[in-house]
């Protein structure tokens, strides 16, 4: 898994997790996501996220889009 400060560009399924969101990664595992906007159109769908690792297992997301 990537370390703090590393750039992340991955695909997977975006799901709600309690009060937050997670990405179940296509390559296995998951990321907890710090999202600046709530991507309601993408919940429970296959997406691509880009962002920076800010903590163990957490990504500060700069963008969410359909994985197409």
PDB file of N, CA and C in Angstrom:
ATOM      1  N   UNK A   1       0.843  -1.182   0.000  1.00  0.00           N
ATOM      2  CA  UNK A   1       0.000   0.000   0.000  1.00  0.00           C
ATOM      3  C   UNK A   1       0.886   1.243   0.000  1.00  0.00           C
ATOM      4  N   UNK A   2       0.369   2.317  -0.530  1.00  0.00           N
ATOM      5  CA  UNK A   2       1.105   3.570  -0.647  1.00  0.00           C
ATOM      6  C   UNK A   2       1.343   4.202   0.727  1.00  0.00           C
ATOM      7  N   UNK A   3       2.358   5.042   0.803  1.00  0.00           N
ATOM      8  CA  UNK A   3       2.682   5.738   2.042  1.00  0.00           C
ATOM      9  C   UNK A   3       2.145   7.159   2.054  1.00  0.00           C
ATOM     10  N   UNK A   4       2.205   7.797   3.210  1.00  0.00           N
ATOM     11  CA  UNK A   4       1.715   9.170   3.362  1.00  0.00           C
ATOM     12  C   UNK A   4       2.441  10.078   2.376  1.00  0.00           C
ATOM     13  N   UNK A   5       1.659  10.893   1.677  1.00  0.00           N
ATOM     14  CA  UNK A   5       2.187  11.812   0.688  1.00  0.00           C
ATOM     15  C   UNK A   5       2.200  11.259  -0.727  1.00  0.00           C
ATOM     16  N   UNK A   6       1.969   9.960  -0.885  1.00  0.00           N
ATOM     17  CA  UNK A   6       1.953   9.352  -2.215  1.00  0.00           C
ATOM     18  C   UNK A   6       0.672   9.695  -2.970  1.00  0.00           C
ATOM     19  N   UNK A   7       0.808   9.865  -4.271  1.00  0.00           N
ATOM     20  CA  UNK A   7      -0.321  10.121  -5.162  1.00  0.00           C
ATOM     21  C   UNK A   7      -1.050   8.806  -5.429  1.00  0.00           C
ATOM     22  N   UNK A   8      -2.375   8.844  -5.412  1.00  0.00           N
ATOM     23  CA  UNK A   8      -3.197   7.659  -5.666  1.00  0.00           C
ATOM     24  C   UNK A   8      -4.089   7.921  -6.868  1.00  0.00           C
ATOM     25  N   UNK A   9      -4.136   6.965  -7.776  1.00  0.00           N
ATOM     26  CA  UNK A   9      -5.025   7.012  -8.941  1.00  0.00           C
ATOM     27  C   UNK A   9      -5.521   5.574  -9.111  1.00  0.00           C
ATOM     28  N   UNK A  10      -6.717   5.296  -8.583  1.00  0.00           N
ATOM     29  CA  UNK A  10      -7.210   3.914  -8.553  1.00  0.00           C
ATOM     30  C   UNK A  10      -8.679   3.834  -8.900  1.00  0.00           C
ATOM     31  N   UNK A  11      -9.091   2.619  -9.251  1.00  0.00           N
ATOM     32  CA  UNK A  11     -10.497   2.350  -9.531  1.00  0.00           C
ATOM     33  C   UNK A  11     -11.028   1.331  -8.535  1.00  0.00           C
ATOM     34  N   UNK A  12     -12.349   1.371  -8.362  1.00  0.00           N
ATOM     35  CA  UNK A  12     -13.013   0.439  -7.463  1.00  0.00           C
ATOM     36  C   UNK A  12     -14.463   0.841  -7.288  1.00  0.00           C
ATOM     37  N   UNK A  13     -15.094   0.286  -6.273  1.00  0.00           N
ATOM     38  CA  UNK A  13     -16.500   0.581  -5.984  1.00  0.00           C
ATOM     39  C   UNK A  13     -16.582   1.537  -4.808  1.00  0.00           C
ATOM     40  N   UNK A  14     -17.279   2.650  -5.000  1.00  0.00           N
ATOM     41  CA  UNK A  14     -17.463   3.655  -3.956  1.00  0.00           C
ATOM     42  C   UNK A  14     -18.662   3.280  -3.104  1.00  0.00           C
ATOM     43  N   UNK A  15     -18.435   3.141  -1.800  1.00  0.00           N
ATOM     44  CA  UNK A  15     -19.508   2.759  -0.878  1.00  0.00           C
ATOM     45  C   UNK A  15     -19.537   3.655   0.344  1.00  0.00           C
ATOM     46  N   UNK A  16     -20.726   3.816   0.910  1.00  0.00           N
ATOM     47  CA  UNK A  16     -20.865   4.517   2.188  1.00  0.00           C
ATOM     48  C   UNK A  16     -20.374   3.587   3.288  1.00  0.00           C
ATOM     49  N   UNK A  17     -19.765   4.171   4.305  1.00  0.00           N
ATOM     50  CA  UNK A  17     -19.277   3.416   5.454  1.00  0.00           C
ATOM     51  C   UNK A  17     -19.540   4.257   6.692  1.00  0.00           C
ATOM     52  N   UNK A  18     -20.676   4.011   7.344  1.00  0.00           N
ATOM     53  CA  UNK A  18     -21.057   4.856   8.475  1.00  0.00           C
ATOM     54  C   UNK A  18     -21.316   6.266   7.990  1.00  0.00           C
ATOM     55  N   UNK A  19     -20.587   7.241   8.548  1.00  0.00           N
ATOM     56  CA  UNK A  19     -20.757   8.637   8.162  1.00  0.00           C
ATOM     57  C   UNK A  19     -19.825   9.036   7.024  1.00  0.00           C
ATOM     58  N   UNK A  20     -19.016   8.092   6.514  1.00  0.00           N
ATOM     59  CA  UNK A  20     -18.051   8.422   5.476  1.00  0.00           C
ATOM     60  C   UNK A  20     -18.181   7.529   4.259  1.00  0.00           C
ATOM     61  N   UNK A  21     -17.090   7.484   3.486  1.00  0.00           N
ATOM     62  CA  UNK A  21     -17.051   6.708   2.255  1.00  0.00           C
ATOM     63  C   UNK A  21     -15.772   5.896   2.192  1.00  0.00           C
ATOM     64  N   UNK A  22     -15.840   4.775   1.494  1.00  0.00           N
ATOM     65  CA  UNK A  22     -14.655   3.956   1.231  1.00  0.00           C
ATOM     66  C   UNK A  22     -14.646   3.569  -0.238  1.00  0.00           C
ATOM     67  N   UNK A  23     -13.454   3.273  -0.726  1.00  0.00           N
ATOM     68  CA  UNK A  23     -13.289   2.721  -2.059  1.00  0.00           C
ATOM     69  C   UNK A  23     -12.824   1.289  -1.894  1.00  0.00           C
ATOM     70  N   UNK A  24     -13.640   0.336  -2.352  1.00  0.00           N
ATOM     71  CA  UNK A  24     -13.225  -1.067  -2.406  1.00  0.00           C
ATOM     72  C   UNK A  24     -12.458  -1.205  -3.710  1.00  0.00           C
ATOM     73  N   UNK A  25     -11.151  -1.313  -3.597  1.00  0.00           N
ATOM     74  CA  UNK A  25     -10.239  -1.258  -4.731  1.00  0.00           C
ATOM     75  C   UNK A  25     -10.352  -2.481  -5.642  1.00  0.00           C
ATOM     76  N   UNK A  26     -10.235  -2.247  -6.936  1.00  0.00           N
ATOM     77  CA  UNK A  26     -10.238  -3.347  -7.907  1.00  0.00           C
ATOM     78  C   UNK A  26      -9.079  -4.303  -7.659  1.00  0.00           C
ATOM     79  N   UNK A  27      -7.961  -3.785  -7.170  1.00  0.00           N
ATOM     80  CA  UNK A  27      -6.768  -4.620  -6.956  1.00  0.00           C
ATOM     81  C   UNK A  27      -6.745  -5.252  -5.567  1.00  0.00           C
ATOM     82  N   UNK A  28      -7.829  -5.083  -4.800  1.00  0.00           N
ATOM     83  CA  UNK A  28      -7.914  -5.655  -3.458  1.00  0.00           C
ATOM     84  C   UNK A  28      -7.671  -4.605  -2.385  1.00  0.00           C
ATOM     85  N   UNK A  29      -8.286  -4.788  -1.262  1.00  0.00           N
ATOM     86  CA  UNK A  29      -8.158  -3.826  -0.171  1.00  0.00           C
ATOM     87  C   UNK A  29      -9.148  -2.693  -0.295  1.00  0.00           C
ATOM     88  N   UNK A  30      -8.954  -1.694   0.544  1.00  0.00           N
ATOM     89  CA  UNK A  30      -9.862  -0.548   0.509  1.00  0.00           C
ATOM     90  C   UNK A  30      -9.146   0.691   0.995  1.00  0.00           C
ATOM     91  N   UNK A  31      -9.646   1.823   0.582  1.00  0.00           N
ATOM     92  CA  UNK A  31      -9.208   3.122   1.067  1.00  0.00           C
ATOM     93  C   UNK A  31     -10.371   3.786   1.802  1.00  0.00           C
ATOM     94  N   UNK A  32     -10.117   4.387   2.936  1.00  0.00           N
ATOM     95  CA  UNK A  32     -11.068   5.320   3.536  1.00  0.00           C
ATOM     96  C   UNK A  32     -10.857   6.637   2.807  1.00  0.00           C
ATOM     97  N   UNK A  33     -11.947   7.351   2.531  1.00  0.00           N
ATOM     98  CA  UNK A  33     -11.852   8.543   1.695  1.00  0.00           C
ATOM     99  C   UNK A  33     -12.248   9.806   2.443  1.00  0.00           C
ATOM    100  N   UNK A  34     -11.426  10.837   2.297  1.00  0.00           N
ATOM    101  CA  UNK A  34     -11.755  12.171   2.768  1.00  0.00           C
ATOM    102  C   UNK A  34     -12.215  12.941   1.536  1.00  0.00           C
ATOM    103  N   UNK A  35     -13.533  13.090   1.415  1.00  0.00           N
ATOM    104  CA  UNK A  35     -14.123  13.724   0.232  1.00  0.00           C
ATOM    105  C   UNK A  35     -14.553  15.145   0.547  1.00  0.00           C
ATOM    106  N   UNK A  36     -14.241  16.068  -0.347  1.00  0.00           N
ATOM    107  CA  UNK A  36     -14.625  17.468  -0.150  1.00  0.00           C
ATOM    108  C   UNK A  36     -16.030  17.751  -0.662  1.00  0.00           C
ATOM    109  N   UNK A  37     -16.510  16.890  -1.541  1.00  0.00           N
ATOM    110  CA  UNK A  37     -17.892  16.959  -2.035  1.00  0.00           C
ATOM    111  C   UNK A  37     -18.477  15.560  -1.959  1.00  0.00           C
ATOM    112  N   UNK A  38     -19.760  15.480  -1.670  1.00  0.00           N
ATOM    113  CA  UNK A  38     -20.415  14.170  -1.577  1.00  0.00           C
ATOM    114  C   UNK A  38     -20.818  13.731  -2.985  1.00  0.00           C
ATOM    115  N   UNK A  39     -20.241  12.638  -3.464  1.00  0.00           N
ATOM    116  CA  UNK A  39     -20.484  12.172  -4.833  1.00  0.00           C
ATOM    117  C   UNK A  39     -21.702  11.258  -4.925  1.00  0.00           C
ATOM    118  N   UNK A  40     -22.892  11.793  -4.627  1.00  0.00           N
ATOM    119  CA  UNK A  40     -24.089  10.948  -4.545  1.00  0.00           C
ATOM    120  C   UNK A  40     -24.367  10.181  -5.831  1.00  0.00           C
ATOM    121  N   UNK A  41     -24.008  10.728  -6.976  1.00  0.00           N
ATOM    122  CA  UNK A  41     -24.245  10.041  -8.252  1.00  0.00           C
ATOM    123  C   UNK A  41     -23.336   8.828  -8.447  1.00  0.00           C
ATOM    124  N   UNK A  42     -22.270   8.741  -7.654  1.00  0.00           N
ATOM    125  CA  UNK A  42     -21.289   7.671  -7.825  1.00  0.00           C
ATOM    126  C   UNK A  42     -21.347   6.583  -6.754  1.00  0.00           C
ATOM    127  N   UNK A  43     -22.201   6.741  -5.749  1.00  0.00           N
ATOM    128  CA  UNK A  43     -22.270   5.763  -4.663  1.00  0.00           C
ATOM    129  C   UNK A  43     -22.731   4.410  -5.203  1.00  0.00           C
ATOM    130  N   UNK A  44     -22.042   3.363  -4.790  1.00  0.00           N
ATOM    131  CA  UNK A  44     -22.310   1.976  -5.187  1.00  0.00           C
ATOM    132  C   UNK A  44     -22.041   1.729  -6.673  1.00  0.00           C
ATOM    133  N   UNK A  45     -21.166   2.552  -7.262  1.00  0.00           N
ATOM    134  CA  UNK A  45     -20.803   2.396  -8.668  1.00  0.00           C
ATOM    135  C   UNK A  45     -19.286   2.260  -8.809  1.00  0.00           C
ATOM    136  N   UNK A  46     -18.873   1.824  -9.991  1.00  0.00           N
ATOM    137  CA  UNK A  46     -17.460   1.681 -10.306  1.00  0.00           C
ATOM    138  C   UNK A  46     -16.909   3.063 -10.645  1.00  0.00           C
ATOM    139  N   UNK A  47     -15.890   3.511  -9.890  1.00  0.00           N
ATOM    140  CA  UNK A  47     -15.362   4.865 -10.033  1.00  0.00           C
ATOM    141  C   UNK A  47     -13.838   4.861 -10.102  1.00  0.00           C
ATOM    142  N   UNK A  48     -13.310   6.010 -10.467  1.00  0.00           N
ATOM    143  CA  UNK A  48     -11.877   6.281 -10.412  1.00  0.00           C
ATOM    144  C   UNK A  48     -11.688   7.437  -9.444  1.00  0.00           C
ATOM    145  N   UNK A  49     -10.748   7.280  -8.509  1.00  0.00           N
ATOM    146  CA  UNK A  49     -10.417   8.380  -7.606  1.00  0.00           C
ATOM    147  C   UNK A  49      -8.975   8.788  -7.822  1.00  0.00           C
ATOM    148  N   UNK A  50      -8.696  10.063  -7.597  1.00  0.00           N
ATOM    149  CA  UNK A  50      -7.329  10.566  -7.574  1.00  0.00           C
ATOM    150  C   UNK A  50      -7.183  11.410  -6.323  1.00  0.00           C
ATOM    151  N   UNK A  51      -6.034  11.304  -5.682  1.00  0.00           N
ATOM    152  CA  UNK A  51      -5.799  12.067  -4.471  1.00  0.00           C
ATOM    153  C   UNK A  51      -4.462  11.710  -3.848  1.00  0.00           C
ATOM    154  N   UNK A  52      -4.298  12.104  -2.587  1.00  0.00           N
ATOM    155  CA  UNK A  52      -3.045  11.933  -1.869  1.00  0.00           C
ATOM    156  C   UNK A  52      -3.305  11.183  -0.566  1.00  0.00           C
ATOM    157  N   UNK A  53      -2.433  10.230  -0.257  1.00  0.00           N
ATOM    158  CA  UNK A  53      -2.525   9.494   1.005  1.00  0.00           C
ATOM    159  C   UNK A  53      -2.176  10.452   2.147  1.00  0.00           C
ATOM    160  N   UNK A  54      -3.087  10.584   3.139  1.00  0.00           N
ATOM    161  CA  UNK A  54      -2.865  11.496   4.263  1.00  0.00           C
ATOM    162  C   UNK A  54      -2.723  10.783   5.602  1.00  0.00           C
ATOM    163  N   UNK A  55      -3.048   9.508   5.637  1.00  0.00           N
ATOM    164  CA  UNK A  55      -2.947   8.701   6.849  1.00  0.00           C
ATOM    165  C   UNK A  55      -2.946   7.243   6.418  1.00  0.00           C
ATOM    166  N   UNK A  56      -2.656   6.360   7.338  1.00  0.00           N
ATOM    167  CA  UNK A  56      -2.639   4.938   7.021  1.00  0.00           C
ATOM    168  C   UNK A  56      -4.015   4.506   6.520  1.00  0.00           C
ATOM    169  N   UNK A  57      -4.114   4.179   5.237  1.00  0.00           N
ATOM    170  CA  UNK A  57      -5.376   3.716   4.659  1.00  0.00           C
ATOM    171  C   UNK A  57      -6.362   4.800   4.304  1.00  0.00           C
ATOM    172  N   UNK A  58      -5.942   6.098   4.366  1.00  0.00           N
ATOM    173  CA  UNK A  58      -6.868   7.190   4.054  1.00  0.00           C
ATOM    174  C   UNK A  58      -6.324   8.078   2.948  1.00  0.00           C
ATOM    175  N   UNK A  59      -7.219   8.405   1.998  1.00  0.00           N
ATOM    176  CA  UNK A  59      -6.862   9.264   0.858  1.00  0.00           C
ATOM    177  C   UNK A  59      -7.677  10.551   0.910  1.00  0.00           C
ATOM    178  N   UNK A  60      -6.990  11.687   0.771  1.00  0.00           N
ATOM    179  CA  UNK A  60      -7.652  12.979   0.588  1.00  0.00           C
ATOM    180  C   UNK A  60      -7.944  13.084  -0.901  1.00  0.00           C
ATOM    181  N   UNK A  61      -9.203  12.967  -1.271  1.00  0.00           N
ATOM    182  CA  UNK A  61      -9.607  12.825  -2.675  1.00  0.00           C
ATOM    183  C   UNK A  61      -9.731  14.199  -3.343  1.00  0.00           C
ATOM    184  N   UNK A  62      -9.057  14.332  -4.490  1.00  0.00           N
ATOM    185  CA  UNK A  62      -9.161  15.552  -5.283  1.00  0.00           C
ATOM    186  C   UNK A  62     -10.198  15.409  -6.379  1.00  0.00           C
ATOM    187  N   UNK A  63     -10.488  14.162  -6.789  1.00  0.00           N
ATOM    188  CA  UNK A  63     -11.469  13.968  -7.837  1.00  0.00           C
ATOM    189  C   UNK A  63     -12.058  12.564  -7.841  1.00  0.00           C
ATOM    190  N   UNK A  64     -13.346  12.488  -8.195  1.00  0.00           N
ATOM    191  CA  UNK A  64     -14.055  11.223  -8.360  1.00  0.00           C
ATOM    192  C   UNK A  64     -14.764  11.283  -9.704  1.00  0.00           C
ATOM    193  N   UNK A  65     -14.606  10.218 -10.493  1.00  0.00           N
ATOM    194  CA  UNK A  65     -15.301  10.161 -11.776  1.00  0.00           C
ATOM    195  C   UNK A  65     -15.698   8.721 -12.065  1.00  0.00           C
ATOM    196  N   UNK A  66     -16.613   8.549 -12.990  1.00  0.00           N
ATOM    197  CA  UNK A  66     -16.988   7.210 -13.411  1.00  0.00           C
ATOM    198  C   UNK A  66     -15.785   6.511 -14.023  1.00  0.00           C
ATOM    199  N   UNK A  67     -15.634   5.230 -13.735  1.00  0.00           N
ATOM    200  CA  UNK A  67     -14.478   4.496 -14.248  1.00  0.00           C
ATOM    201  C   UNK A  67     -14.651   4.103 -15.711  1.00  0.00           C
ATOM    202  N   UNK A  68     -15.832   4.326 -16.227  1.00  0.00           N
ATOM    203  CA  UNK A  68     -16.143   4.194 -17.602  1.00  0.00           C
ATOM    204  C   UNK A  68     -16.011   2.928 -18.268  1.00  0.00           C
TER     205      UNK A  68
END
